[in-house]
Each structure stands twice: as C-alpha cells, then as structure tokens.
C-alpha cells in the first residue's frame, strides 16, 4: 500500500473507535440485562430432584404403594450398592444363590459383608430347602433372590418367599426380591 493511502491513527480516528466501542458495549450490556431478566423467569435447575419425589409418587400410585416405599436411583447398580450399604457391613451376612449377577457378591465384598452362597440345583432352580435351612440359623441379615434369575432367566422366587421360616417374626431378616420383569409376565414376583 502506498504511503499516501496508509491509514493514520489520528486522535479523531481513535476517538471515533472508542465511541463506537462504548456504543457496542452499551448494546451488549442492554442485551445481557434482557437475557438475565428472561432467565430469572425460568425455573432452571441443572440437577434433578435427587429424591425423584414426583416420579416416586407416580410409580407408587401405579403399583399401590405410598411414595415412601419407592426407591429411585441412577441405574440398578447404584440401587444394589445402596442396598448393600443399608443392610450389609462388618458383622453382617448376605445370602445369594449362584450362578447369578456378580454385582451382588461384589457389593457385599465392598461393604465388608460376609457372603453365604447356596448354589442353585442342576436345573438352575433355587434349592429352597437349603436356603430355608440356612436362613433358619438366624445369622443371615439379607438374602438376594432374583426373578427372573440372571443369567438363567428362571422364575421361581414367589414360591420360596411365601414359605414361612422357623425364625420368630421378631428376628426375620430382609429378603430382596429383585424382579426386573414384573410388567412382562404373570409368573414374576406378585405385587404384594
């Protein structure tokens, strides 16, 4: 570019630029204020309700339970770990029936819970007599029985949970019936 055409930064040009930048800054500030005012009118929350109360209420109504009896989590593994934290721990014992989902035993180990395994029969059904006999010893704090079982797909839990144990009612322990297929079959765990 020839020297005659080279723009010079004169005071006048600098003042025009500064005024222009101030004008742009004023416009941006005005828009920022409008955006901020609009955003404050919207109930934004980056995190959902951790207790999921509205959803728990709807699920409870659908199955005939109060909201307080419905537990929600971010996936089954979280709920299973919560379960182990609540019912397991040092000095506690969990009963499981392999082959089954390995997370049950893994969570017991993570929570320092003793594991008692009652293997399934050759047809992968529950050995009800062995389970009831072991539970009757009185040291099982919780048992995990699945319907349908992973990996076999067998049903069968409803028959064992309806059988009384020899333990007095005051000493009964928690039995978790994990049924991911309640909506899919009449032979799954009953809604009781």
N, C-alpha and C. Protein backbone atom coordinates (compact mmCIF):
# COMPACT_ATOMS: atom_id res chain seq x y z
N UNK A 1 0.85 -1.16 0.00
CA UNK A 1 0.00 0.00 0.00
C UNK A 1 0.91 1.23 0.00
N UNK A 2 0.68 2.16 -0.89
CA UNK A 2 1.50 3.38 -0.92
C UNK A 2 1.34 4.16 0.37
N UNK A 3 2.35 4.89 0.73
CA UNK A 3 2.36 5.65 1.97
C UNK A 3 1.21 6.62 2.07
N UNK A 4 0.77 7.19 0.95
CA UNK A 4 -0.32 8.17 0.97
C UNK A 4 -1.63 7.52 1.37
N UNK A 5 -1.78 6.23 1.11
CA UNK A 5 -3.05 5.55 1.41
C UNK A 5 -3.03 4.84 2.77
N UNK A 6 -1.91 4.86 3.46
CA UNK A 6 -1.81 4.19 4.76
C UNK A 6 -2.65 4.96 5.77
N UNK A 7 -3.58 4.30 6.41
CA UNK A 7 -4.41 5.00 7.39
C UNK A 7 -3.57 5.44 8.58
N UNK A 8 -3.81 6.60 9.02
CA UNK A 8 -3.10 7.14 10.18
C UNK A 8 -4.03 7.11 11.37
N UNK A 9 -3.51 6.78 12.51
CA UNK A 9 -4.33 6.77 13.71
C UNK A 9 -4.26 8.15 14.34
N UNK A 10 -5.15 8.98 13.92
CA UNK A 10 -5.21 10.32 14.49
C UNK A 10 -6.08 10.30 15.73
N UNK A 11 -5.99 11.38 16.50
CA UNK A 11 -6.86 11.49 17.68
C UNK A 11 -8.33 11.36 17.29
N UNK A 12 -8.67 11.96 16.20
CA UNK A 12 -10.07 11.92 15.75
C UNK A 12 -10.51 10.49 15.47
N UNK A 13 -9.66 9.73 14.77
CA UNK A 13 -9.99 8.34 14.46
C UNK A 13 -10.04 7.50 15.74
N UNK A 14 -9.11 7.73 16.65
CA UNK A 14 -9.10 7.00 17.92
C UNK A 14 -10.37 7.30 18.70
N UNK A 15 -10.77 8.55 18.77
CA UNK A 15 -12.00 8.92 19.49
C UNK A 15 -13.23 8.26 18.88
N UNK A 16 -13.28 8.21 17.53
CA UNK A 16 -14.42 7.56 16.86
C UNK A 16 -14.46 6.08 17.23
N UNK A 17 -13.29 5.42 17.26
CA UNK A 17 -13.23 3.99 17.61
C UNK A 17 -13.69 3.78 19.05
N UNK A 18 -13.21 4.61 19.94
CA UNK A 18 -13.58 4.47 21.34
C UNK A 18 -15.08 4.68 21.53
N UNK A 19 -15.64 5.70 20.85
CA UNK A 19 -17.08 5.94 20.94
C UNK A 19 -17.85 4.76 20.38
N UNK A 20 -17.35 4.19 19.29
CA UNK A 20 -18.00 3.04 18.69
C UNK A 20 -17.95 1.85 19.62
N UNK A 21 -16.80 1.61 20.26
CA UNK A 21 -16.68 0.50 21.20
C UNK A 21 -17.58 0.71 22.41
N UNK A 22 -17.69 1.93 22.88
CA UNK A 22 -18.58 2.22 24.01
C UNK A 22 -20.01 1.94 23.61
N UNK A 23 -20.37 2.35 22.38
CA UNK A 23 -21.73 2.11 21.88
C UNK A 23 -22.01 0.60 21.83
N UNK A 24 -21.04 -0.18 21.33
CA UNK A 24 -21.20 -1.63 21.26
C UNK A 24 -21.31 -2.22 22.67
N UNK A 25 -20.49 -1.73 23.59
CA UNK A 25 -20.54 -2.21 24.97
C UNK A 25 -21.89 -1.90 25.60
N UNK A 26 -22.45 -0.71 25.31
CA UNK A 26 -23.77 -0.36 25.84
C UNK A 26 -24.84 -1.29 25.28
N UNK A 27 -24.76 -1.60 23.99
CA UNK A 27 -25.73 -2.50 23.37
C UNK A 27 -25.63 -3.90 24.00
N UNK A 28 -24.39 -4.38 24.17
CA UNK A 28 -24.20 -5.70 24.78
C UNK A 28 -24.72 -5.73 26.21
N UNK A 29 -24.47 -4.69 26.96
CA UNK A 29 -24.96 -4.62 28.34
C UNK A 29 -26.49 -4.67 28.37
N UNK A 30 -27.11 -3.96 27.44
CA UNK A 30 -28.57 -3.95 27.39
C UNK A 30 -29.11 -5.35 27.08
N UNK A 31 -28.48 -6.03 26.12
CA UNK A 31 -28.92 -7.38 25.80
C UNK A 31 -28.66 -8.35 26.95
N UNK A 32 -27.52 -8.22 27.60
CA UNK A 32 -27.22 -9.07 28.75
C UNK A 32 -28.26 -8.88 29.84
N UNK A 33 -28.67 -7.65 30.07
CA UNK A 33 -29.69 -7.38 31.09
C UNK A 33 -31.02 -8.03 30.71
N UNK A 34 -31.39 -7.92 29.41
CA UNK A 34 -32.64 -8.55 28.95
C UNK A 34 -32.58 -10.07 29.08
N UNK A 35 -31.44 -10.65 28.72
CA UNK A 35 -31.28 -12.11 28.82
C UNK A 35 -31.34 -12.55 30.28
N UNK A 36 -30.65 -11.83 31.13
CA UNK A 36 -30.65 -12.16 32.56
C UNK A 36 -32.06 -12.07 33.14
N UNK A 37 -32.81 -11.03 32.75
CA UNK A 37 -34.18 -10.88 33.23
C UNK A 37 -35.05 -12.05 32.76
N UNK A 38 -34.85 -12.47 31.51
CA UNK A 38 -35.65 -13.59 30.97
C UNK A 38 -35.28 -14.89 31.67
N UNK A 39 -34.01 -15.11 31.92
CA UNK A 39 -33.57 -16.36 32.55
C UNK A 39 -34.10 -16.46 33.98
N UNK A 40 -34.16 -15.34 34.68
CA UNK A 40 -34.64 -15.40 36.07
C UNK A 40 -36.12 -15.76 36.13
N UNK A 41 -36.84 -15.65 35.02
CA UNK A 41 -38.25 -16.02 34.98
C UNK A 41 -38.46 -17.52 34.77
N UNK A 42 -37.39 -18.22 34.39
CA UNK A 42 -37.47 -19.65 34.11
C UNK A 42 -36.89 -20.42 35.29
N UNK A 43 -37.60 -21.47 35.72
CA UNK A 43 -37.12 -22.30 36.82
C UNK A 43 -36.11 -23.30 36.28
N UNK A 44 -34.85 -22.89 36.25
CA UNK A 44 -33.78 -23.74 35.75
C UNK A 44 -33.08 -24.42 36.93
N UNK A 45 -32.79 -25.70 36.75
CA UNK A 45 -32.05 -26.43 37.76
C UNK A 45 -31.19 -27.44 37.01
N UNK A 46 -29.90 -27.33 37.16
CA UNK A 46 -29.01 -28.25 36.45
C UNK A 46 -29.12 -29.66 37.00
N UNK A 47 -29.57 -29.80 38.22
CA UNK A 47 -29.62 -31.11 38.84
C UNK A 47 -31.08 -31.46 39.14
N UNK A 48 -31.51 -32.66 38.75
CA UNK A 48 -32.89 -33.05 39.06
C UNK A 48 -33.06 -33.30 40.55
N UNK A 49 -34.29 -33.38 40.96
CA UNK A 49 -34.60 -33.69 42.36
C UNK A 49 -33.95 -35.03 42.71
N UNK A 50 -32.98 -35.05 43.63
CA UNK A 50 -32.28 -36.31 43.93
C UNK A 50 -33.20 -37.38 44.52
N UNK A 51 -34.30 -36.98 45.11
CA UNK A 51 -35.23 -37.95 45.68
C UNK A 51 -36.29 -38.39 44.68
N UNK A 52 -36.40 -37.68 43.55
CA UNK A 52 -37.36 -38.00 42.49
C UNK A 52 -38.78 -38.14 43.04
N UNK A 53 -39.16 -37.25 43.93
CA UNK A 53 -40.46 -37.38 44.61
C UNK A 53 -41.66 -37.45 43.67
N UNK A 54 -41.76 -36.58 42.65
CA UNK A 54 -42.93 -36.71 41.76
C UNK A 54 -42.97 -38.06 41.04
N UNK A 55 -41.82 -38.55 40.59
CA UNK A 55 -41.78 -39.85 39.91
C UNK A 55 -42.08 -40.98 40.88
N UNK A 56 -41.52 -40.92 42.09
CA UNK A 56 -41.80 -41.95 43.10
C UNK A 56 -43.28 -42.00 43.42
N UNK A 57 -43.90 -40.84 43.48
CA UNK A 57 -45.33 -40.80 43.76
C UNK A 57 -46.14 -41.48 42.65
N UNK A 58 -45.79 -41.18 41.40
CA UNK A 58 -46.50 -41.79 40.27
C UNK A 58 -46.30 -43.30 40.23
N UNK A 59 -45.07 -43.75 40.45
CA UNK A 59 -44.80 -45.19 40.44
C UNK A 59 -45.53 -45.85 41.61
N UNK A 60 -45.50 -45.22 42.76
CA UNK A 60 -46.22 -45.77 43.91
C UNK A 60 -47.71 -45.90 43.65
N UNK A 61 -48.29 -44.87 43.04
CA UNK A 61 -49.72 -44.93 42.71
C UNK A 61 -50.01 -46.06 41.72
N UNK A 62 -49.13 -46.23 40.74
CA UNK A 62 -49.34 -47.27 39.73
C UNK A 62 -49.31 -48.67 40.34
N UNK A 63 -48.48 -48.87 41.37
CA UNK A 63 -48.33 -50.19 41.97
C UNK A 63 -49.05 -50.32 43.31
N UNK A 64 -49.72 -49.27 43.75
CA UNK A 64 -50.49 -49.35 45.00
C UNK A 64 -49.68 -49.14 46.27
N UNK A 65 -48.59 -48.35 46.17
CA UNK A 65 -47.75 -48.06 47.33
C UNK A 65 -47.68 -46.56 47.57
N UNK A 66 -47.38 -46.18 48.80
CA UNK A 66 -47.08 -44.78 49.09
C UNK A 66 -45.70 -44.46 48.53
N UNK A 67 -45.47 -43.20 48.26
CA UNK A 67 -44.20 -42.73 47.71
C UNK A 67 -43.01 -43.19 48.56
N UNK A 68 -43.18 -43.23 49.87
CA UNK A 68 -42.09 -43.57 50.78
C UNK A 68 -41.57 -44.99 50.58
N UNK A 69 -42.33 -45.84 49.90
CA UNK A 69 -41.93 -47.22 49.68
C UNK A 69 -41.28 -47.44 48.32
N UNK A 70 -41.04 -46.37 47.59
CA UNK A 70 -40.43 -46.46 46.26
C UNK A 70 -39.04 -45.83 46.31
N UNK A 71 -38.04 -46.61 45.92
CA UNK A 71 -36.66 -46.14 45.92
C UNK A 71 -36.22 -45.94 44.47
N UNK A 72 -35.62 -44.80 44.19
CA UNK A 72 -35.15 -44.48 42.84
C UNK A 72 -33.64 -44.35 42.86
N UNK A 73 -33.01 -44.60 41.74
CA UNK A 73 -31.57 -44.45 41.63
C UNK A 73 -31.16 -44.25 40.19
N UNK A 74 -29.89 -44.03 40.00
CA UNK A 74 -29.34 -43.86 38.66
C UNK A 74 -28.84 -45.20 38.15
N UNK A 75 -29.76 -46.08 37.89
CA UNK A 75 -29.40 -47.40 37.40
C UNK A 75 -29.43 -48.45 38.50
N UNK A 76 -29.54 -49.69 38.07
CA UNK A 76 -29.64 -50.79 39.01
C UNK A 76 -28.42 -50.98 39.88
N UNK A 77 -27.23 -50.77 39.32
CA UNK A 77 -26.02 -50.97 40.12
C UNK A 77 -25.99 -50.03 41.32
N UNK A 78 -26.42 -48.79 41.13
CA UNK A 78 -26.44 -47.84 42.25
C UNK A 78 -27.41 -48.32 43.33
N UNK A 79 -28.57 -48.77 42.92
CA UNK A 79 -29.56 -49.24 43.89
C UNK A 79 -29.06 -50.48 44.63
N UNK A 80 -28.42 -51.38 43.90
CA UNK A 80 -27.89 -52.58 44.54
C UNK A 80 -26.80 -52.22 45.56
N UNK A 81 -25.97 -51.24 45.22
CA UNK A 81 -24.93 -50.83 46.16
C UNK A 81 -25.55 -50.14 47.38
N UNK A 82 -26.57 -49.30 47.15
CA UNK A 82 -27.29 -48.68 48.27
C UNK A 82 -27.86 -49.75 49.20
N UNK A 83 -28.40 -50.78 48.60
CA UNK A 83 -28.98 -51.88 49.35
C UNK A 83 -27.91 -52.53 50.23
N UNK A 84 -26.73 -52.79 49.64
CA UNK A 84 -25.64 -53.40 50.40
C UNK A 84 -25.14 -52.47 51.51
N UNK A 85 -25.14 -51.18 51.24
CA UNK A 85 -24.71 -50.23 52.28
C UNK A 85 -25.69 -50.22 53.45
N UNK A 86 -26.98 -50.33 53.14
CA UNK A 86 -28.00 -50.28 54.20
C UNK A 86 -28.07 -51.57 55.02
N UNK A 87 -27.98 -52.71 54.36
CA UNK A 87 -28.22 -53.98 55.04
C UNK A 87 -26.96 -54.77 55.29
N UNK A 88 -25.87 -54.42 54.63
CA UNK A 88 -24.62 -55.15 54.82
C UNK A 88 -23.70 -54.39 55.75
N UNK A 89 -22.44 -54.77 55.71
CA UNK A 89 -21.42 -54.12 56.52
C UNK A 89 -20.72 -55.11 57.42
N UNK A 90 -19.70 -54.66 58.14
CA UNK A 90 -18.96 -55.55 59.03
C UNK A 90 -19.89 -56.24 60.03
N UNK A 91 -19.71 -57.54 60.17
CA UNK A 91 -20.52 -58.30 61.11
C UNK A 91 -21.87 -58.72 60.55
N UNK A 92 -22.13 -58.42 59.29
CA UNK A 92 -23.40 -58.78 58.67
C UNK A 92 -23.17 -59.84 57.59
N UNK A 93 -24.24 -60.55 57.25
CA UNK A 93 -24.14 -61.66 56.30
C UNK A 93 -25.23 -61.57 55.25
N UNK A 94 -24.84 -61.81 54.01
CA UNK A 94 -25.76 -61.80 52.86
C UNK A 94 -25.80 -63.19 52.25
N UNK A 95 -26.98 -63.62 51.86
CA UNK A 95 -27.15 -64.91 51.20
C UNK A 95 -27.45 -64.67 49.73
N UNK A 96 -26.79 -65.41 48.86
CA UNK A 96 -27.05 -65.34 47.42
C UNK A 96 -27.01 -66.74 46.84
N UNK A 97 -27.53 -66.89 45.64
CA UNK A 97 -27.67 -68.21 45.04
C UNK A 97 -27.05 -68.24 43.64
N UNK A 98 -25.75 -68.52 43.56
CA UNK A 98 -25.10 -68.57 42.25
C UNK A 98 -25.54 -69.79 41.44
N UNK A 99 -25.41 -69.71 40.12
CA UNK A 99 -24.92 -68.57 39.36
C UNK A 99 -25.96 -67.47 39.31
N UNK A 100 -25.50 -66.26 39.49
CA UNK A 100 -26.36 -65.09 39.45
C UNK A 100 -25.50 -63.87 39.13
N UNK A 101 -26.09 -62.71 39.13
CA UNK A 101 -25.40 -61.47 38.79
C UNK A 101 -24.25 -61.24 39.78
N UNK A 102 -23.05 -61.05 39.27
CA UNK A 102 -21.86 -60.96 40.12
C UNK A 102 -21.82 -59.71 40.98
N UNK A 103 -22.62 -58.69 40.66
CA UNK A 103 -22.60 -57.44 41.43
C UNK A 103 -23.10 -57.66 42.85
N UNK A 104 -23.99 -58.62 43.08
CA UNK A 104 -24.49 -58.85 44.43
C UNK A 104 -23.33 -59.18 45.37
N UNK A 105 -22.53 -60.14 44.97
CA UNK A 105 -21.40 -60.53 45.81
C UNK A 105 -20.33 -59.44 45.83
N UNK A 106 -20.10 -58.79 44.71
CA UNK A 106 -19.10 -57.71 44.67
C UNK A 106 -19.46 -56.59 45.64
N UNK A 107 -20.73 -56.22 45.70
CA UNK A 107 -21.17 -55.18 46.63
C UNK A 107 -21.00 -55.64 48.08
N UNK A 108 -21.25 -56.91 48.33
CA UNK A 108 -21.05 -57.44 49.69
C UNK A 108 -19.58 -57.33 50.07
N UNK A 109 -18.69 -57.67 49.17
CA UNK A 109 -17.26 -57.58 49.45
C UNK A 109 -16.87 -56.12 49.69
N UNK A 110 -17.38 -55.21 48.86
CA UNK A 110 -17.06 -53.79 49.01
C UNK A 110 -17.53 -53.22 50.35
N UNK A 111 -18.60 -53.78 50.89
CA UNK A 111 -19.14 -53.28 52.16
C UNK A 111 -18.70 -54.14 53.35
N UNK A 112 -17.75 -55.04 53.11
CA UNK A 112 -17.21 -55.90 54.16
C UNK A 112 -18.30 -56.78 54.78
N UNK A 113 -19.17 -57.29 53.91
CA UNK A 113 -20.27 -58.16 54.32
C UNK A 113 -19.89 -59.60 54.01
N UNK A 114 -20.09 -60.51 54.96
CA UNK A 114 -19.82 -61.93 54.72
C UNK A 114 -20.84 -62.45 53.72
N UNK A 115 -20.40 -63.32 52.82
CA UNK A 115 -21.28 -63.88 51.79
C UNK A 115 -21.48 -65.36 52.05
N UNK A 116 -22.75 -65.77 52.04
CA UNK A 116 -23.11 -67.19 52.10
C UNK A 116 -23.75 -67.51 50.76
N UNK A 117 -23.19 -68.50 50.08
CA UNK A 117 -23.70 -68.90 48.76
C UNK A 117 -24.39 -70.25 48.86
N UNK A 118 -25.61 -70.30 48.42
CA UNK A 118 -26.35 -71.56 48.30
C UNK A 118 -26.50 -71.80 46.80
N UNK A 119 -25.70 -72.70 46.24
CA UNK A 119 -25.75 -72.91 44.79
C UNK A 119 -27.13 -73.38 44.33
N UNK A 120 -27.44 -73.03 43.12
CA UNK A 120 -28.70 -73.50 42.52
C UNK A 120 -28.57 -74.98 42.15
N UNK A 121 -29.71 -75.60 41.96
CA UNK A 121 -29.73 -77.01 41.55
C UNK A 121 -29.25 -77.13 40.10
N UNK A 122 -29.10 -78.35 39.63
CA UNK A 122 -28.59 -78.58 38.28
C UNK A 122 -29.50 -77.98 37.21
N UNK A 123 -30.79 -77.82 37.50
CA UNK A 123 -31.70 -77.18 36.54
C UNK A 123 -31.78 -75.66 36.76
N UNK A 124 -30.91 -75.13 37.61
CA UNK A 124 -30.79 -73.71 37.96
C UNK A 124 -31.95 -73.18 38.79
N UNK A 125 -32.79 -74.05 39.33
CA UNK A 125 -33.83 -73.60 40.25
C UNK A 125 -33.21 -73.39 41.62
N UNK A 126 -33.92 -72.66 42.46
CA UNK A 126 -33.44 -72.41 43.82
C UNK A 126 -33.53 -73.69 44.64
N UNK A 127 -32.55 -73.92 45.48
CA UNK A 127 -32.58 -75.05 46.41
C UNK A 127 -33.30 -74.53 47.67
N UNK A 128 -34.61 -74.54 47.60
CA UNK A 128 -35.43 -73.94 48.65
C UNK A 128 -35.15 -74.54 50.02
N UNK A 129 -35.01 -75.84 50.08
CA UNK A 129 -34.76 -76.49 51.37
C UNK A 129 -33.44 -76.01 51.98
N UNK A 130 -32.39 -75.93 51.17
CA UNK A 130 -31.09 -75.48 51.67
C UNK A 130 -31.13 -74.00 52.07
N UNK A 131 -31.86 -73.19 51.30
CA UNK A 131 -31.97 -71.76 51.63
C UNK A 131 -32.69 -71.58 52.95
N UNK A 132 -33.86 -72.22 53.08
CA UNK A 132 -34.64 -72.07 54.31
C UNK A 132 -33.89 -72.62 55.51
N UNK A 133 -33.17 -73.71 55.34
CA UNK A 133 -32.38 -74.29 56.43
C UNK A 133 -31.28 -73.32 56.86
N UNK A 134 -30.61 -72.72 55.89
CA UNK A 134 -29.51 -71.79 56.21
C UNK A 134 -30.04 -70.52 56.85
N UNK A 135 -31.15 -70.00 56.34
CA UNK A 135 -31.74 -68.78 56.91
C UNK A 135 -32.21 -69.04 58.34
N UNK A 136 -32.69 -70.25 58.61
CA UNK A 136 -33.17 -70.60 59.94
C UNK A 136 -32.07 -70.55 61.00
N UNK A 137 -30.80 -70.57 60.59
CA UNK A 137 -29.70 -70.47 61.55
C UNK A 137 -29.66 -69.09 62.21
N UNK A 138 -30.31 -68.11 61.60
CA UNK A 138 -30.50 -66.82 62.24
C UNK A 138 -29.44 -65.77 62.02
N UNK A 139 -28.42 -66.06 61.23
CA UNK A 139 -27.36 -65.06 61.05
C UNK A 139 -27.37 -64.38 59.68
N UNK A 140 -28.36 -64.66 58.86
CA UNK A 140 -28.45 -64.03 57.54
C UNK A 140 -29.18 -62.69 57.72
N UNK A 141 -28.50 -61.61 57.38
CA UNK A 141 -29.10 -60.28 57.50
C UNK A 141 -29.92 -59.91 56.29
N UNK A 142 -29.47 -60.35 55.12
CA UNK A 142 -30.30 -60.16 53.94
C UNK A 142 -29.97 -61.20 52.89
N UNK A 143 -30.98 -61.53 52.10
CA UNK A 143 -30.83 -62.52 51.03
C UNK A 143 -31.27 -61.86 49.73
N UNK A 144 -30.55 -62.16 48.68
CA UNK A 144 -30.94 -61.65 47.36
C UNK A 144 -31.37 -62.84 46.52
N UNK A 145 -32.64 -62.84 46.16
CA UNK A 145 -33.23 -63.86 45.31
C UNK A 145 -33.80 -63.14 44.09
N UNK A 146 -33.47 -63.62 42.92
CA UNK A 146 -33.85 -62.90 41.71
C UNK A 146 -34.88 -63.65 40.90
N UNK A 147 -35.74 -62.89 40.23
CA UNK A 147 -36.76 -63.47 39.37
C UNK A 147 -37.07 -62.49 38.25
N UNK A 148 -36.75 -62.80 37.02
CA UNK A 148 -36.02 -63.99 36.60
C UNK A 148 -34.54 -63.86 36.95
N UNK A 149 -33.91 -65.02 37.12
CA UNK A 149 -32.51 -65.02 37.51
C UNK A 149 -31.61 -64.63 36.34
N UNK A 150 -30.53 -63.93 36.67
CA UNK A 150 -29.50 -63.62 35.68
C UNK A 150 -28.35 -64.58 36.00
N UNK A 151 -27.90 -65.43 35.16
CA UNK A 151 -28.05 -65.46 33.71
C UNK A 151 -29.05 -66.48 33.19
N UNK A 152 -29.73 -67.21 34.07
CA UNK A 152 -30.54 -68.33 33.59
C UNK A 152 -31.90 -67.93 33.03
N UNK A 153 -32.48 -66.85 33.54
CA UNK A 153 -33.82 -66.46 33.11
C UNK A 153 -34.92 -67.22 33.82
N UNK A 154 -34.57 -68.08 34.79
CA UNK A 154 -35.56 -68.87 35.51
C UNK A 154 -36.37 -68.01 36.47
N UNK A 155 -37.67 -68.33 36.59
CA UNK A 155 -38.50 -67.77 37.65
C UNK A 155 -38.46 -68.74 38.81
N UNK A 156 -39.15 -68.43 39.89
CA UNK A 156 -39.21 -69.37 40.99
C UNK A 156 -39.18 -68.74 42.36
N UNK A 157 -38.88 -67.49 42.46
CA UNK A 157 -38.81 -66.84 43.76
C UNK A 157 -40.15 -66.79 44.47
N UNK A 158 -41.27 -66.53 43.79
CA UNK A 158 -42.53 -66.39 44.53
C UNK A 158 -42.86 -67.57 45.42
N UNK A 159 -42.47 -68.79 45.06
CA UNK A 159 -42.80 -69.93 45.91
C UNK A 159 -42.00 -69.92 47.20
N UNK A 160 -40.74 -69.53 47.15
CA UNK A 160 -39.92 -69.56 48.37
C UNK A 160 -40.26 -68.41 49.31
N UNK A 161 -40.61 -67.25 48.79
CA UNK A 161 -40.89 -66.15 49.71
C UNK A 161 -42.23 -66.32 50.41
N UNK A 162 -43.06 -67.21 49.91
CA UNK A 162 -44.34 -67.44 50.57
C UNK A 162 -44.23 -68.50 51.66
N UNK A 163 -43.08 -69.18 51.78
CA UNK A 163 -42.92 -70.22 52.79
C UNK A 163 -42.42 -69.61 54.09
N UNK A 164 -43.01 -70.01 55.21
CA UNK A 164 -42.55 -69.47 56.49
C UNK A 164 -41.20 -70.06 56.88
N UNK A 165 -40.42 -69.27 57.59
CA UNK A 165 -39.17 -69.80 58.13
C UNK A 165 -39.40 -70.20 59.57
N UNK A 166 -38.44 -70.85 60.15
CA UNK A 166 -38.57 -71.29 61.53
C UNK A 166 -38.15 -70.19 62.50
N UNK A 167 -37.73 -69.03 61.97
CA UNK A 167 -37.33 -67.94 62.85
C UNK A 167 -38.56 -67.20 63.36
N UNK A 168 -38.51 -66.73 64.61
CA UNK A 168 -39.62 -65.92 65.10
C UNK A 168 -39.73 -64.62 64.29
N UNK A 169 -40.93 -64.08 64.21
CA UNK A 169 -41.17 -62.87 63.42
C UNK A 169 -40.24 -61.73 63.85
N UNK A 170 -39.95 -61.61 65.13
CA UNK A 170 -39.10 -60.51 65.60
C UNK A 170 -37.67 -60.61 65.09
N UNK A 171 -37.26 -61.80 64.63
CA UNK A 171 -35.90 -62.00 64.14
C UNK A 171 -35.82 -62.13 62.63
N UNK A 172 -36.93 -61.94 61.94
CA UNK A 172 -36.91 -62.09 60.50
C UNK A 172 -35.96 -61.08 59.87
N UNK A 173 -35.33 -61.48 58.81
CA UNK A 173 -34.38 -60.63 58.11
C UNK A 173 -34.98 -60.17 56.79
N UNK A 174 -34.28 -59.28 56.14
CA UNK A 174 -34.76 -58.74 54.87
C UNK A 174 -34.44 -59.70 53.74
N UNK A 175 -35.43 -59.94 52.90
CA UNK A 175 -35.21 -60.68 51.67
C UNK A 175 -35.50 -59.73 50.52
N UNK A 176 -34.54 -59.57 49.66
CA UNK A 176 -34.72 -58.72 48.50
C UNK A 176 -35.12 -59.59 47.33
N UNK A 177 -36.28 -59.29 46.78
CA UNK A 177 -36.72 -59.98 45.58
C UNK A 177 -36.52 -58.99 44.44
N UNK A 178 -35.52 -59.24 43.65
CA UNK A 178 -35.20 -58.35 42.54
C UNK A 178 -35.89 -58.88 41.30
N UNK A 179 -36.89 -58.14 40.86
CA UNK A 179 -37.64 -58.59 39.70
C UNK A 179 -37.70 -57.47 38.69
N UNK A 180 -36.87 -57.58 37.67
CA UNK A 180 -36.87 -56.58 36.62
C UNK A 180 -37.94 -56.84 35.59
N UNK A 181 -38.66 -57.94 35.71
CA UNK A 181 -39.60 -58.31 34.68
C UNK A 181 -41.03 -58.34 35.17
N UNK A 182 -41.34 -57.62 36.24
CA UNK A 182 -42.71 -57.63 36.77
C UNK A 182 -43.73 -57.31 35.68
N UNK A 183 -43.50 -56.26 34.87
CA UNK A 183 -44.52 -55.94 33.88
C UNK A 183 -44.63 -56.95 32.75
N UNK A 184 -43.67 -57.89 32.63
CA UNK A 184 -43.62 -58.72 31.44
C UNK A 184 -44.18 -60.13 31.61
N UNK A 185 -44.55 -60.51 32.81
CA UNK A 185 -45.04 -61.88 32.93
C UNK A 185 -45.82 -62.10 34.20
N UNK A 186 -46.81 -62.94 34.10
CA UNK A 186 -47.65 -63.23 35.26
C UNK A 186 -46.93 -64.09 36.28
N UNK A 187 -45.86 -64.79 35.87
CA UNK A 187 -45.15 -65.68 36.79
C UNK A 187 -44.03 -64.99 37.54
N UNK A 188 -43.93 -63.70 37.42
CA UNK A 188 -42.89 -62.98 38.14
C UNK A 188 -43.37 -62.70 39.54
N UNK A 189 -42.64 -61.87 40.27
CA UNK A 189 -42.98 -61.60 41.66
C UNK A 189 -44.32 -60.87 41.74
N UNK A 190 -45.21 -61.32 42.61
CA UNK A 190 -46.51 -60.69 42.71
C UNK A 190 -46.41 -59.30 43.34
N UNK A 191 -47.37 -58.46 43.03
CA UNK A 191 -47.43 -57.11 43.59
C UNK A 191 -48.15 -57.18 44.93
N UNK A 192 -47.40 -57.53 45.99
CA UNK A 192 -48.00 -57.63 47.32
C UNK A 192 -47.22 -56.82 48.31
